[in-house]
Amino acid sequence: MTVRAATADDLAAIAAIQEASPEASQWEPASYLDYECSVVTGGRRVLGFLVVRQIAADEREILNLAVDPAERGRGVARKLLEIELRRAKTQWFLEVRASNSSAIKLYERAGFRETGRRESYYTNPVEPGIVMMFDS
């Protein structure tokens, strides 16, 4: 597996992964290139992606993380997350669907902790967002 910056050539694969991941945020994939977007590839295929942004001098936010359903459970998300957290020593924030227990476990194993809850934060279906934070 290789992690690299996403390019416009990756957008179709990112869109397909996002569409197959209803638990993930559903943004316009082209907008991810306005932020810091990384992909994990296996061979020539995109297996997953991570989108982050700087929100203050000492704060960063994970906007989206999704892995091709056929590749889940193989460490793709963990690899993306570990590389990003090592790259920037700062305070990290994210929101995750309350029902997305596998993502919550991933983030907790990486050192994130729940700091709040945003009712009706997500749509399709409407559900709370769990706010998590990590200090690196």
Protein backbone atom coordinates (compact mmCIF):
# COMPACT_ATOMS: atom_id res chain seq x y z
CA MET A 1 0.00 0.00 0.00
CA THR A 2 1.22 3.47 -0.90
CA VAL A 3 -0.08 6.78 0.47
CA ARG A 4 0.17 9.85 -1.74
CA ALA A 5 -1.56 13.16 -2.42
CA ALA A 6 -4.76 12.83 -4.42
CA THR A 7 -4.95 14.25 -7.93
CA ALA A 8 -7.78 15.00 -10.33
CA ASP A 9 -7.16 11.58 -11.87
CA ASP A 10 -8.27 10.00 -8.56
CA LEU A 11 -11.65 11.74 -8.37
CA ALA A 12 -13.65 8.99 -10.09
CA ALA A 13 -12.29 6.38 -7.67
CA ILE A 14 -12.87 8.68 -4.69
CA ALA A 15 -16.46 9.27 -5.85
CA ALA A 16 -17.06 5.52 -6.21
CA ILE A 17 -15.69 4.81 -2.73
CA GLN A 18 -17.75 7.61 -1.22
CA GLU A 19 -20.91 6.39 -2.98
CA ALA A 20 -20.30 2.88 -1.62
CA SER A 21 -19.81 4.34 1.89
CA PRO A 22 -23.12 5.85 3.05
CA GLU A 23 -21.73 6.18 6.57
CA ALA A 24 -19.12 8.66 5.29
CA SER A 25 -19.76 12.33 4.59
CA GLN A 26 -21.15 12.84 1.11
CA TRP A 27 -19.41 15.85 -0.41
CA GLU A 28 -18.70 16.76 -4.00
CA PRO A 29 -15.47 14.80 -4.60
CA ALA A 30 -13.88 17.56 -6.71
CA SER A 31 -14.05 19.84 -3.63
CA TYR A 32 -11.62 17.54 -1.80
CA LEU A 33 -8.80 18.90 -3.93
CA ASP A 34 -9.41 22.29 -2.27
CA TYR A 35 -8.15 20.67 0.96
CA GLU A 36 -5.40 18.20 1.78
CA CYS A 37 -6.57 14.92 0.28
CA SER A 38 -4.55 11.70 0.42
CA VAL A 39 -5.23 8.33 -1.15
CA VAL A 40 -3.98 4.84 -0.43
CA THR A 41 -3.27 2.80 -3.51
CA GLY A 42 -2.70 -0.88 -4.00
CA GLY A 43 -1.08 -1.39 -7.34
CA ARG A 44 -2.78 1.19 -9.54
CA ARG A 45 -6.10 1.13 -7.67
CA VAL A 46 -7.31 3.67 -5.07
CA LEU A 47 -8.31 1.77 -1.94
CA GLY A 48 -9.29 4.69 0.29
CA PHE A 49 -9.00 8.41 0.88
CA LEU A 50 -8.60 10.95 3.68
CA VAL A 51 -9.43 14.66 3.57
CA VAL A 52 -8.13 17.13 6.19
CA ARG A 53 -7.83 20.87 6.63
CA GLN A 54 -6.06 23.37 8.84
CA ILE A 55 -8.64 25.26 10.93
CA ALA A 56 -6.28 27.31 13.13
CA ALA A 57 -2.54 27.61 13.65
CA ASP A 58 -2.57 24.68 16.08
CA GLU A 59 -5.73 22.82 14.98
CA ARG A 60 -6.56 20.46 12.12
CA GLU A 61 -9.78 18.72 11.22
CA ILE A 62 -10.48 15.40 9.53
CA LEU A 63 -13.26 16.08 7.04
CA ASN A 64 -13.72 12.62 5.56
CA LEU A 65 -12.17 9.16 5.59
CA ALA A 66 -13.51 6.26 3.55
CA VAL A 67 -12.25 2.92 2.29
CA ASP A 68 -13.51 0.75 -0.55
CA PRO A 69 -15.86 -1.77 1.13
CA ALA A 70 -13.91 -4.65 -0.45
CA GLU A 71 -10.72 -3.42 1.26
CA ARG A 72 -12.07 -2.81 4.77
CA GLY A 73 -10.46 -4.62 7.67
CA ARG A 74 -7.05 -4.65 5.98
CA GLY A 75 -5.53 -1.59 7.68
CA VAL A 76 -6.16 0.94 4.91
CA ALA A 77 -7.94 3.50 7.13
CA ARG A 78 -5.47 2.95 9.96
CA LYS A 79 -2.52 3.59 7.61
CA LEU A 80 -4.04 6.82 6.26
CA LEU A 81 -4.82 8.04 9.77
CA GLU A 82 -1.44 7.14 11.28
CA ILE A 83 0.51 8.86 8.51
CA GLU A 84 -1.57 12.02 8.77
CA LEU A 85 -1.38 12.20 12.57
CA ARG A 86 2.41 11.80 12.44
CA ARG A 87 2.72 14.44 9.72
CA ALA A 88 1.21 17.25 11.78
CA LYS A 89 1.74 17.49 15.54
CA THR A 90 -1.28 19.53 16.55
CA GLN A 91 -4.75 19.27 18.02
CA TRP A 92 -7.10 17.25 15.80
CA PHE A 93 -10.90 17.32 15.57
CA LEU A 94 -13.53 15.33 13.70
CA GLU A 95 -17.20 14.41 13.69
CA VAL A 96 -18.36 10.85 13.11
CA ARG A 97 -21.85 9.38 12.76
CA ALA A 98 -23.06 8.03 16.09
CA SER A 99 -23.97 4.75 14.33
CA ASN A 100 -20.52 4.30 12.75
CA SER A 101 -19.07 2.10 15.49
CA SER A 102 -16.18 0.80 13.37
CA ALA A 103 -14.96 4.36 12.68
CA ILE A 104 -15.38 5.33 16.33
CA LYS A 105 -13.26 2.31 17.36
CA LEU A 106 -10.61 3.23 14.77
CA TYR A 107 -10.40 6.78 16.09
CA GLU A 108 -10.35 5.65 19.73
CA ARG A 109 -7.50 3.21 18.99
CA ALA A 110 -5.59 6.12 17.42
CA GLY A 111 -6.03 8.16 20.62
CA PHE A 112 -9.10 10.27 19.87
CA ARG A 113 -11.62 10.81 22.65
CA GLU A 114 -15.23 11.91 22.55
CA THR A 115 -15.66 15.56 23.53
CA GLY A 116 -19.22 16.31 22.47
CA ARG A 117 -22.27 15.42 20.48
CA ARG A 118 -24.11 17.36 17.77
CA GLU A 119 -27.74 16.31 17.51
CA SER A 120 -29.13 15.96 13.97
CA TYR A 121 -25.70 16.75 12.52
CA TYR A 122 -25.95 14.19 9.72
CA THR A 123 -28.70 13.62 7.16
CA ASN A 124 -29.77 10.56 5.17
CA PRO A 125 -30.51 9.37 7.81
CA VAL A 126 -30.67 12.15 10.37
CA GLU A 127 -28.50 11.24 13.33
CA PRO A 128 -26.08 12.77 15.84
CA GLY A 129 -22.46 13.47 15.14
CA ILE A 130 -19.94 12.48 17.80
CA VAL A 131 -17.24 15.14 18.18
CA MET A 132 -13.81 13.68 18.84
CA MET A 133 -10.44 15.27 19.62
CA PHE A 134 -6.82 14.14 19.64
CA ASP A 135 -3.73 15.98 20.91
CA SER A 136 -0.56 14.89 19.16
